[in-house]
All heavy atoms as atom14 arrays in JSON, in Angstrom:
{
  "sequence": "RLGIVGLGRIGRAIAKRCAGFDMEIRYHNRRPVADVPYRYEA",
  "atom14_mask": [
    [1, 1, 1, 1, 1, 1, 1, 1, 1, 1, 1, 0, 0, 0],
    [1, 1, 1, 1, 1, 1, 1, 1, 0, 0, 0, 0, 0, 0],
    [1, 1, 1, 1, 0, 0, 0, 0, 0, 0, 0, 0, 0, 0],
    [1, 1, 1, 1, 1, 1, 1, 1, 0, 0, 0, 0, 0, 0],
    [1, 1, 1, 1, 1, 1, 1, 0, 0, 0, 0, 0, 0, 0],
    [1, 1, 1, 1, 0, 0, 0, 0, 0, 0, 0, 0, 0, 0],
    [1, 1, 1, 1, 1, 1, 1, 1, 0, 0, 0, 0, 0, 0],
    [1, 1, 1, 1, 0, 0, 0, 0, 0, 0, 0, 0, 0, 0],
    [1, 1, 1, 1, 1, 1, 1, 1, 1, 1, 1, 0, 0, 0],
    [1, 1, 1, 1, 1, 1, 1, 1, 0, 0, 0, 0, 0, 0],
    [1, 1, 1, 1, 0, 0, 0, 0, 0, 0, 0, 0, 0, 0],
    [1, 1, 1, 1, 1, 1, 1, 1, 1, 1, 1, 0, 0, 0],
    [1, 1, 1, 1, 1, 0, 0, 0, 0, 0, 0, 0, 0, 0],
    [1, 1, 1, 1, 1, 1, 1, 1, 0, 0, 0, 0, 0, 0],
    [1, 1, 1, 1, 1, 0, 0, 0, 0, 0, 0, 0, 0, 0],
    [1, 1, 1, 1, 1, 1, 1, 1, 1, 0, 0, 0, 0, 0],
    [1, 1, 1, 1, 1, 1, 1, 1, 1, 1, 1, 0, 0, 0],
    [1, 1, 1, 1, 1, 1, 0, 0, 0, 0, 0, 0, 0, 0],
    [1, 1, 1, 1, 1, 0, 0, 0, 0, 0, 0, 0, 0, 0],
    [1, 1, 1, 1, 0, 0, 0, 0, 0, 0, 0, 0, 0, 0],
    [1, 1, 1, 1, 1, 1, 1, 1, 1, 1, 1, 0, 0, 0],
    [1, 1, 1, 1, 1, 1, 1, 1, 0, 0, 0, 0, 0, 0],
    [1, 1, 1, 1, 1, 1, 1, 1, 0, 0, 0, 0, 0, 0],
    [1, 1, 1, 1, 1, 1, 1, 1, 1, 0, 0, 0, 0, 0],
    [1, 1, 1, 1, 1, 1, 1, 1, 0, 0, 0, 0, 0, 0],
    [1, 1, 1, 1, 1, 1, 1, 1, 1, 1, 1, 0, 0, 0],
    [1, 1, 1, 1, 1, 1, 1, 1, 1, 1, 1, 1, 0, 0],
    [1, 1, 1, 1, 1, 1, 1, 1, 1, 1, 0, 0, 0, 0],
    [1, 1, 1, 1, 1, 1, 1, 1, 0, 0, 0, 0, 0, 0],
    [1, 1, 1, 1, 1, 1, 1, 1, 1, 1, 1, 0, 0, 0],
    [1, 1, 1, 1, 1, 1, 1, 1, 1, 1, 1, 0, 0, 0],
    [1, 1, 1, 1, 1, 1, 1, 0, 0, 0, 0, 0, 0, 0],
    [1, 1, 1, 1, 1, 1, 1, 0, 0, 0, 0, 0, 0, 0],
    [1, 1, 1, 1, 1, 0, 0, 0, 0, 0, 0, 0, 0, 0],
    [1, 1, 1, 1, 1, 1, 1, 1, 0, 0, 0, 0, 0, 0],
    [1, 1, 1, 1, 1, 1, 1, 0, 0, 0, 0, 0, 0, 0],
    [1, 1, 1, 1, 1, 1, 1, 0, 0, 0, 0, 0, 0, 0],
    [1, 1, 1, 1, 1, 1, 1, 1, 1, 1, 1, 1, 0, 0],
    [1, 1, 1, 1, 1, 1, 1, 1, 1, 1, 1, 0, 0, 0],
    [1, 1, 1, 1, 1, 1, 1, 1, 1, 1, 1, 1, 0, 0],
    [1, 1, 1, 1, 1, 1, 1, 1, 1, 0, 0, 0, 0, 0],
    [1, 1, 1, 1, 1, 0, 0, 0, 0, 0, 0, 0, 0, 0]
  ],
  "atom14_positions": [
    [[155.77, 166.08, 195.57], [155.61, 167.5, 195.36], [155.06, 167.82, 194.0], [155.74, 167.38, 192.93], [156.8, 168.27, 195.57], [157.48, 168.14, 196.97], [158.8, 168.86, 197.02], [159.33, 169.11, 198.37], [160.5, 169.52, 198.75], [161.25, 170.06, 197.75], [160.8, 169.72, 199.97], [0.0, 0.0, 0.0], [0.0, 0.0, 0.0], [0.0, 0.0, 0.0]],
    [[153.88, 168.41, 193.84], [153.24, 168.73, 192.7], [153.24, 170.17, 192.42], [152.74, 170.97, 193.31], [151.79, 168.26, 192.75], [150.88, 168.66, 191.51], [151.26, 167.79, 190.32], [149.41, 168.53, 191.77], [0.0, 0.0, 0.0], [0.0, 0.0, 0.0], [0.0, 0.0, 0.0], [0.0, 0.0, 0.0], [0.0, 0.0, 0.0], [0.0, 0.0, 0.0]],
    [[153.71, 170.5, 191.31], [153.69, 172.01, 190.82], [152.57, 172.16, 189.72], [152.55, 171.33, 188.71], [0.0, 0.0, 0.0], [0.0, 0.0, 0.0], [0.0, 0.0, 0.0], [0.0, 0.0, 0.0], [0.0, 0.0, 0.0], [0.0, 0.0, 0.0], [0.0, 0.0, 0.0], [0.0, 0.0, 0.0], [0.0, 0.0, 0.0], [0.0, 0.0, 0.0]],
    [[151.7, 173.11, 189.76], [150.7, 173.26, 188.69], [150.97, 174.65, 188.08], [151.07, 175.61, 188.73], [149.27, 173.3, 189.37], [149.06, 171.91, 190.0], [148.2, 173.58, 188.25], [147.66, 171.79, 190.68], [0.0, 0.0, 0.0], [0.0, 0.0, 0.0], [0.0, 0.0, 0.0], [0.0, 0.0, 0.0], [0.0, 0.0, 0.0], [0.0, 0.0, 0.0]],
    [[151.04, 174.44, 186.77], [151.3, 175.73, 185.86], [149.98, 176.15, 185.4], [149.39, 175.61, 184.4], [152.24, 175.44, 184.69], [152.48, 176.84, 183.96], [153.52, 174.73, 185.16], [0.0, 0.0, 0.0], [0.0, 0.0, 0.0], [0.0, 0.0, 0.0], [0.0, 0.0, 0.0], [0.0, 0.0, 0.0], [0.0, 0.0, 0.0], [0.0, 0.0, 0.0]],
    [[149.3, 177.24, 186.0], [147.98, 177.63, 185.71], [146.88, 177.12, 186.64], [146.37, 176.0, 186.42], [0.0, 0.0, 0.0], [0.0, 0.0, 0.0], [0.0, 0.0, 0.0], [0.0, 0.0, 0.0], [0.0, 0.0, 0.0], [0.0, 0.0, 0.0], [0.0, 0.0, 0.0], [0.0, 0.0, 0.0], [0.0, 0.0, 0.0], [0.0, 0.0, 0.0]],
    [[146.65, 177.85, 187.63], [145.55, 177.4, 188.58], [144.29, 177.93, 188.39], [143.7, 178.7, 189.15], [146.1, 177.82, 190.07], [145.39, 176.89, 191.12], [145.84, 175.48, 191.19], [145.53, 177.55, 192.59], [0.0, 0.0, 0.0], [0.0, 0.0, 0.0], [0.0, 0.0, 0.0], [0.0, 0.0, 0.0], [0.0, 0.0, 0.0], [0.0, 0.0, 0.0]],
    [[143.74, 177.67, 187.13], [142.5, 178.1, 186.78], [141.4, 176.88, 187.11], [141.57, 176.14, 188.21], [0.0, 0.0, 0.0], [0.0, 0.0, 0.0], [0.0, 0.0, 0.0], [0.0, 0.0, 0.0], [0.0, 0.0, 0.0], [0.0, 0.0, 0.0], [0.0, 0.0, 0.0], [0.0, 0.0, 0.0], [0.0, 0.0, 0.0], [0.0, 0.0, 0.0]],
    [[140.26, 176.85, 186.44], [139.3, 175.88, 186.76], [139.82, 174.4, 186.78], [139.62, 173.62, 187.57], [138.08, 176.04, 185.95], [137.24, 177.33, 186.15], [136.23, 177.28, 185.14], [136.54, 177.58, 183.83], [136.73, 178.68, 183.12], [136.28, 179.79, 183.62], [137.08, 178.85, 181.89], [0.0, 0.0, 0.0], [0.0, 0.0, 0.0], [0.0, 0.0, 0.0]],
    [[140.57, 174.15, 185.74], [141.13, 172.83, 185.49], [142.24, 172.6, 186.43], [142.39, 171.55, 186.99], [141.49, 172.63, 184.02], [140.3, 172.6, 183.14], [142.23, 171.29, 183.9], [140.57, 172.56, 181.57], [0.0, 0.0, 0.0], [0.0, 0.0, 0.0], [0.0, 0.0, 0.0], [0.0, 0.0, 0.0], [0.0, 0.0, 0.0], [0.0, 0.0, 0.0]],
    [[143.11, 173.51, 186.68], [144.19, 173.4, 187.63], [143.75, 173.11, 188.98], [144.35, 172.28, 189.67], [0.0, 0.0, 0.0], [0.0, 0.0, 0.0], [0.0, 0.0, 0.0], [0.0, 0.0, 0.0], [0.0, 0.0, 0.0], [0.0, 0.0, 0.0], [0.0, 0.0, 0.0], [0.0, 0.0, 0.0], [0.0, 0.0, 0.0], [0.0, 0.0, 0.0]],
    [[142.62, 173.86, 189.44], [142.09, 173.47, 190.75], [141.56, 172.07, 190.76], [141.6, 171.44, 191.84], [140.99, 174.5, 191.04], [141.44, 175.9, 191.26], [140.45, 176.78, 191.76], [140.75, 178.23, 191.6], [140.16, 179.15, 192.39], [139.41, 178.91, 193.3], [140.6, 180.42, 192.21], [0.0, 0.0, 0.0], [0.0, 0.0, 0.0], [0.0, 0.0, 0.0]],
    [[140.91, 171.62, 189.76], [140.38, 170.28, 189.78], [141.55, 169.22, 189.82], [141.34, 168.16, 190.58], [139.54, 170.01, 188.53], [0.0, 0.0, 0.0], [0.0, 0.0, 0.0], [0.0, 0.0, 0.0], [0.0, 0.0, 0.0], [0.0, 0.0, 0.0], [0.0, 0.0, 0.0], [0.0, 0.0, 0.0], [0.0, 0.0, 0.0], [0.0, 0.0, 0.0]],
    [[142.61, 169.53, 189.2], [143.8, 168.64, 189.31], [144.37, 168.59, 190.75], [144.64, 167.57, 191.37], [144.82, 169.06, 188.31], [144.39, 168.75, 186.94], [146.18, 168.38, 188.56], [145.26, 169.62, 185.81], [0.0, 0.0, 0.0], [0.0, 0.0, 0.0], [0.0, 0.0, 0.0], [0.0, 0.0, 0.0], [0.0, 0.0, 0.0], [0.0, 0.0, 0.0]],
    [[144.57, 169.78, 191.39], [144.91, 169.95, 192.73], [144.06, 169.11, 193.62], [144.6, 168.44, 194.62], [144.99, 171.33, 193.1], [0.0, 0.0, 0.0], [0.0, 0.0, 0.0], [0.0, 0.0, 0.0], [0.0, 0.0, 0.0], [0.0, 0.0, 0.0], [0.0, 0.0, 0.0], [0.0, 0.0, 0.0], [0.0, 0.0, 0.0], [0.0, 0.0, 0.0]],
    [[142.82, 169.15, 193.51], [141.81, 168.45, 194.35], [142.08, 167.0, 194.29], [142.15, 166.28, 195.33], [140.37, 168.77, 194.02], [139.27, 168.08, 194.73], [138.02, 168.42, 194.26], [136.77, 167.87, 195.04], [135.49, 168.09, 194.49], [0.0, 0.0, 0.0], [0.0, 0.0, 0.0], [0.0, 0.0, 0.0], [0.0, 0.0, 0.0], [0.0, 0.0, 0.0]],
    [[142.44, 166.45, 193.11], [142.67, 165.08, 193.0], [143.96, 164.63, 193.54], [144.06, 163.69, 194.28], [142.53, 164.73, 191.43], [141.1, 164.55, 191.02], [141.03, 164.82, 189.44], [139.74, 164.64, 188.97], [138.64, 165.5, 189.14], [138.9, 166.7, 189.88], [137.49, 165.28, 188.6], [0.0, 0.0, 0.0], [0.0, 0.0, 0.0], [0.0, 0.0, 0.0]],
    [[144.91, 165.56, 193.35], [146.35, 165.17, 193.87], [146.34, 165.24, 195.37], [147.14, 164.53, 195.95], [147.3, 166.06, 193.28], [147.64, 165.78, 191.49], [0.0, 0.0, 0.0], [0.0, 0.0, 0.0], [0.0, 0.0, 0.0], [0.0, 0.0, 0.0], [0.0, 0.0, 0.0], [0.0, 0.0, 0.0], [0.0, 0.0, 0.0], [0.0, 0.0, 0.0]],
    [[145.54, 166.1, 195.91], [145.43, 166.14, 197.44], [145.01, 164.78, 197.99], [145.5, 164.34, 199.1], [144.43, 167.16, 197.86], [0.0, 0.0, 0.0], [0.0, 0.0, 0.0], [0.0, 0.0, 0.0], [0.0, 0.0, 0.0], [0.0, 0.0, 0.0], [0.0, 0.0, 0.0], [0.0, 0.0, 0.0], [0.0, 0.0, 0.0], [0.0, 0.0, 0.0]],
    [[144.2, 164.08, 197.22], [143.84, 162.63, 197.69], [145.06, 161.6, 197.73], [144.95, 160.61, 198.27], [0.0, 0.0, 0.0], [0.0, 0.0, 0.0], [0.0, 0.0, 0.0], [0.0, 0.0, 0.0], [0.0, 0.0, 0.0], [0.0, 0.0, 0.0], [0.0, 0.0, 0.0], [0.0, 0.0, 0.0], [0.0, 0.0, 0.0], [0.0, 0.0, 0.0]],
    [[146.22, 162.09, 197.04], [147.37, 161.28, 197.07], [148.35, 161.89, 198.03], [149.63, 161.6, 198.01], [147.97, 161.22, 195.63], [147.28, 160.26, 194.77], [146.18, 160.75, 193.96], [147.64, 158.96, 194.64], [145.44, 159.9, 193.18], [146.93, 158.09, 193.75], [145.83, 158.56, 192.98], [0.0, 0.0, 0.0], [0.0, 0.0, 0.0], [0.0, 0.0, 0.0]],
    [[147.89, 162.78, 198.91], [148.84, 163.44, 200.01], [149.94, 164.11, 199.36], [151.06, 164.14, 199.91], [149.29, 162.29, 200.99], [148.15, 161.69, 201.82], [147.12, 162.47, 202.12], [148.27, 160.54, 202.14], [0.0, 0.0, 0.0], [0.0, 0.0, 0.0], [0.0, 0.0, 0.0], [0.0, 0.0, 0.0], [0.0, 0.0, 0.0], [0.0, 0.0, 0.0]],
    [[149.69, 164.7, 198.16], [150.83, 165.46, 197.56], [150.9, 166.84, 198.08], [149.75, 167.45, 198.33], [150.71, 165.51, 196.07], [150.54, 164.07, 195.33], [150.42, 164.15, 193.48], [152.18, 164.42, 193.05], [0.0, 0.0, 0.0], [0.0, 0.0, 0.0], [0.0, 0.0, 0.0], [0.0, 0.0, 0.0], [0.0, 0.0, 0.0], [0.0, 0.0, 0.0]],
    [[152.11, 167.39, 198.11], [152.22, 168.78, 198.56], [152.1, 169.59, 197.28], [152.72, 169.34, 196.29], [153.51, 168.9, 199.19], [153.82, 170.43, 199.61], [155.19, 170.57, 200.43], [155.89, 169.67, 200.63], [155.53, 171.85, 200.68], [0.0, 0.0, 0.0], [0.0, 0.0, 0.0], [0.0, 0.0, 0.0], [0.0, 0.0, 0.0], [0.0, 0.0, 0.0]],
    [[151.29, 170.64, 197.38], [150.89, 171.39, 196.04], [151.27, 172.84, 196.07], [151.09, 173.55, 197.1], [149.4, 171.27, 195.84], [149.0, 169.8, 195.71], [148.99, 172.04, 194.54], [147.49, 169.61, 195.76], [0.0, 0.0, 0.0], [0.0, 0.0, 0.0], [0.0, 0.0, 0.0], [0.0, 0.0, 0.0], [0.0, 0.0, 0.0], [0.0, 0.0, 0.0]],
    [[152.01, 173.28, 195.06], [152.28, 174.74, 194.93], [151.92, 175.06, 193.39], [151.73, 174.17, 192.6], [153.76, 174.97, 195.08], [154.14, 174.82, 196.54], [155.6, 175.2, 196.68], [156.09, 174.84, 198.07], [157.29, 175.19, 198.51], [158.26, 175.62, 197.7], [157.61, 174.85, 199.73], [0.0, 0.0, 0.0], [0.0, 0.0, 0.0], [0.0, 0.0, 0.0]],
    [[151.89, 176.29, 193.12], [151.37, 176.63, 191.77], [152.06, 177.91, 191.28], [152.58, 178.73, 192.07], [149.87, 176.89, 191.66], [149.36, 178.11, 192.37], [149.05, 179.34, 191.66], [149.18, 178.11, 193.79], [148.58, 180.39, 192.3], [148.75, 179.23, 194.35], [148.4, 180.42, 193.62], [147.98, 181.55, 194.27], [0.0, 0.0, 0.0], [0.0, 0.0, 0.0]],
    [[152.05, 178.07, 189.92], [152.52, 179.31, 189.28], [151.5, 179.91, 188.4], [150.81, 179.19, 187.6], [153.83, 179.16, 188.49], [154.25, 180.28, 187.8], [154.85, 181.3, 188.31], [154.19, 180.6, 186.39], [155.18, 182.21, 187.5], [154.67, 181.74, 186.19], [0.0, 0.0, 0.0], [0.0, 0.0, 0.0], [0.0, 0.0, 0.0], [0.0, 0.0, 0.0]],
    [[151.17, 181.24, 188.51], [150.17, 181.84, 187.77], [150.78, 183.3, 187.34], [151.84, 183.6, 187.88], [148.89, 182.24, 188.49], [147.83, 181.15, 188.15], [148.03, 180.07, 187.71], [146.62, 181.62, 188.39], [0.0, 0.0, 0.0], [0.0, 0.0, 0.0], [0.0, 0.0, 0.0], [0.0, 0.0, 0.0], [0.0, 0.0, 0.0], [0.0, 0.0, 0.0]],
    [[150.16, 184.13, 186.62], [150.65, 185.35, 186.34], [150.44, 186.22, 187.68], [151.28, 187.1, 187.89], [149.73, 186.06, 185.32], [149.89, 185.46, 183.91], [148.83, 186.05, 182.94], [148.88, 185.44, 181.64], [148.05, 185.43, 180.75], [146.96, 186.25, 180.97], [148.2, 184.91, 179.58], [0.0, 0.0, 0.0], [0.0, 0.0, 0.0], [0.0, 0.0, 0.0]],
    [[149.58, 185.76, 188.49], [149.31, 186.48, 189.74], [148.77, 185.47, 190.75], [148.2, 184.51, 190.33], [148.48, 187.73, 189.66], [147.07, 187.44, 189.13], [146.29, 188.68, 188.83], [146.84, 189.39, 187.79], [146.54, 189.2, 186.51], [145.71, 188.27, 186.09], [147.1, 189.84, 185.51], [0.0, 0.0, 0.0], [0.0, 0.0, 0.0], [0.0, 0.0, 0.0]],
    [[148.88, 185.76, 192.02], [148.32, 184.73, 193.06], [146.84, 184.73, 192.92], [146.17, 185.65, 192.54], [148.8, 185.39, 194.33], [150.0, 186.24, 194.12], [149.67, 186.77, 192.7], [0.0, 0.0, 0.0], [0.0, 0.0, 0.0], [0.0, 0.0, 0.0], [0.0, 0.0, 0.0], [0.0, 0.0, 0.0], [0.0, 0.0, 0.0], [0.0, 0.0, 0.0]],
    [[146.3, 183.49, 193.33], [144.83, 183.24, 193.28], [144.41, 183.36, 194.63], [144.92, 182.75, 195.67], [144.56, 181.88, 192.73], [143.14, 181.54, 192.76], [145.12, 181.74, 191.26], [0.0, 0.0, 0.0], [0.0, 0.0, 0.0], [0.0, 0.0, 0.0], [0.0, 0.0, 0.0], [0.0, 0.0, 0.0], [0.0, 0.0, 0.0], [0.0, 0.0, 0.0]],
    [[143.28, 184.06, 194.92], [142.7, 184.16, 196.22], [141.96, 182.86, 196.64], [141.5, 182.16, 195.86], [141.82, 185.46, 196.3], [0.0, 0.0, 0.0], [0.0, 0.0, 0.0], [0.0, 0.0, 0.0], [0.0, 0.0, 0.0], [0.0, 0.0, 0.0], [0.0, 0.0, 0.0], [0.0, 0.0, 0.0], [0.0, 0.0, 0.0], [0.0, 0.0, 0.0]],
    [[141.76, 182.66, 197.92], [141.0, 181.67, 198.48], [141.44, 180.26, 198.04], [140.58, 179.34, 197.87], [139.47, 181.93, 198.2], [139.09, 181.68, 196.85], [139.78, 181.18, 195.96], [137.93, 182.03, 196.44], [0.0, 0.0, 0.0], [0.0, 0.0, 0.0], [0.0, 0.0, 0.0], [0.0, 0.0, 0.0], [0.0, 0.0, 0.0], [0.0, 0.0, 0.0]],
    [[142.68, 179.98, 197.97], [143.27, 178.65, 197.68], [144.14, 178.31, 198.87], [144.96, 179.24, 199.24], [143.77, 178.47, 196.36], [142.75, 178.57, 195.24], [145.05, 179.4, 196.07], [0.0, 0.0, 0.0], [0.0, 0.0, 0.0], [0.0, 0.0, 0.0], [0.0, 0.0, 0.0], [0.0, 0.0, 0.0], [0.0, 0.0, 0.0], [0.0, 0.0, 0.0]],
    [[144.29, 177.05, 199.3], [145.25, 176.75, 200.3], [146.7, 176.5, 199.79], [147.59, 176.21, 200.59], [144.66, 175.5, 200.92], [143.96, 174.85, 199.78], [143.46, 175.89, 198.88], [0.0, 0.0, 0.0], [0.0, 0.0, 0.0], [0.0, 0.0, 0.0], [0.0, 0.0, 0.0], [0.0, 0.0, 0.0], [0.0, 0.0, 0.0], [0.0, 0.0, 0.0]],
    [[147.0, 176.67, 198.49], [148.26, 176.2, 197.93], [149.17, 177.42, 197.89], [148.77, 178.48, 197.68], [148.02, 175.6, 196.6], [146.81, 174.67, 196.44], [145.78, 174.96, 195.6], [146.77, 173.57, 197.27], [144.58, 174.22, 195.51], [145.61, 172.73, 197.18], [144.62, 173.07, 196.23], [143.5, 172.26, 196.35], [0.0, 0.0, 0.0], [0.0, 0.0, 0.0]],
    [[150.45, 177.02, 198.07], [151.48, 178.24, 198.0], [151.76, 178.69, 196.57], [151.81, 177.88, 195.7], [152.8, 177.69, 198.7], [153.84, 178.74, 198.64], [155.07, 178.19, 199.52], [156.23, 178.93, 199.15], [157.48, 178.81, 199.79], [157.51, 177.95, 200.77], [158.52, 179.46, 199.41], [0.0, 0.0, 0.0], [0.0, 0.0, 0.0], [0.0, 0.0, 0.0]],
    [[151.79, 180.01, 196.4], [152.15, 180.51, 195.17], [153.61, 180.67, 195.01], [154.36, 181.12, 195.85], [151.49, 181.91, 195.0], [151.77, 182.75, 193.92], [151.43, 182.45, 192.58], [152.6, 183.88, 194.0], [151.73, 183.11, 191.45], [152.91, 184.75, 192.91], [152.61, 184.35, 191.71], [152.89, 185.15, 190.55], [0.0, 0.0, 0.0], [0.0, 0.0, 0.0]],
    [[154.14, 180.33, 193.76], [155.44, 180.49, 193.33], [155.6, 181.51, 192.3], [155.0, 181.32, 191.18], [156.14, 179.2, 192.89], [156.37, 178.16, 194.09], [157.5, 178.49, 194.85], [158.29, 179.42, 194.55], [157.6, 177.86, 196.01], [0.0, 0.0, 0.0], [0.0, 0.0, 0.0], [0.0, 0.0, 0.0], [0.0, 0.0, 0.0], [0.0, 0.0, 0.0]],
    [[156.26, 182.67, 192.5], [156.15, 183.75, 191.56], [157.22, 183.41, 190.26], [156.93, 183.81, 189.26], [156.8, 185.05, 192.19], [0.0, 0.0, 0.0], [0.0, 0.0, 0.0], [0.0, 0.0, 0.0], [0.0, 0.0, 0.0], [0.0, 0.0, 0.0], [0.0, 0.0, 0.0], [0.0, 0.0, 0.0], [0.0, 0.0, 0.0], [0.0, 0.0, 0.0]]
  ]
}
């Protein structure tokens, strides 16, 4: 399980790489990000 703090440009690039390792991905931002398949954690 991978948690990303800050799903900006770099955060998305990290998520893309981690998906190649079959990691389950969630993220935390100030607000949810549109058009991403990852679950937002408030």
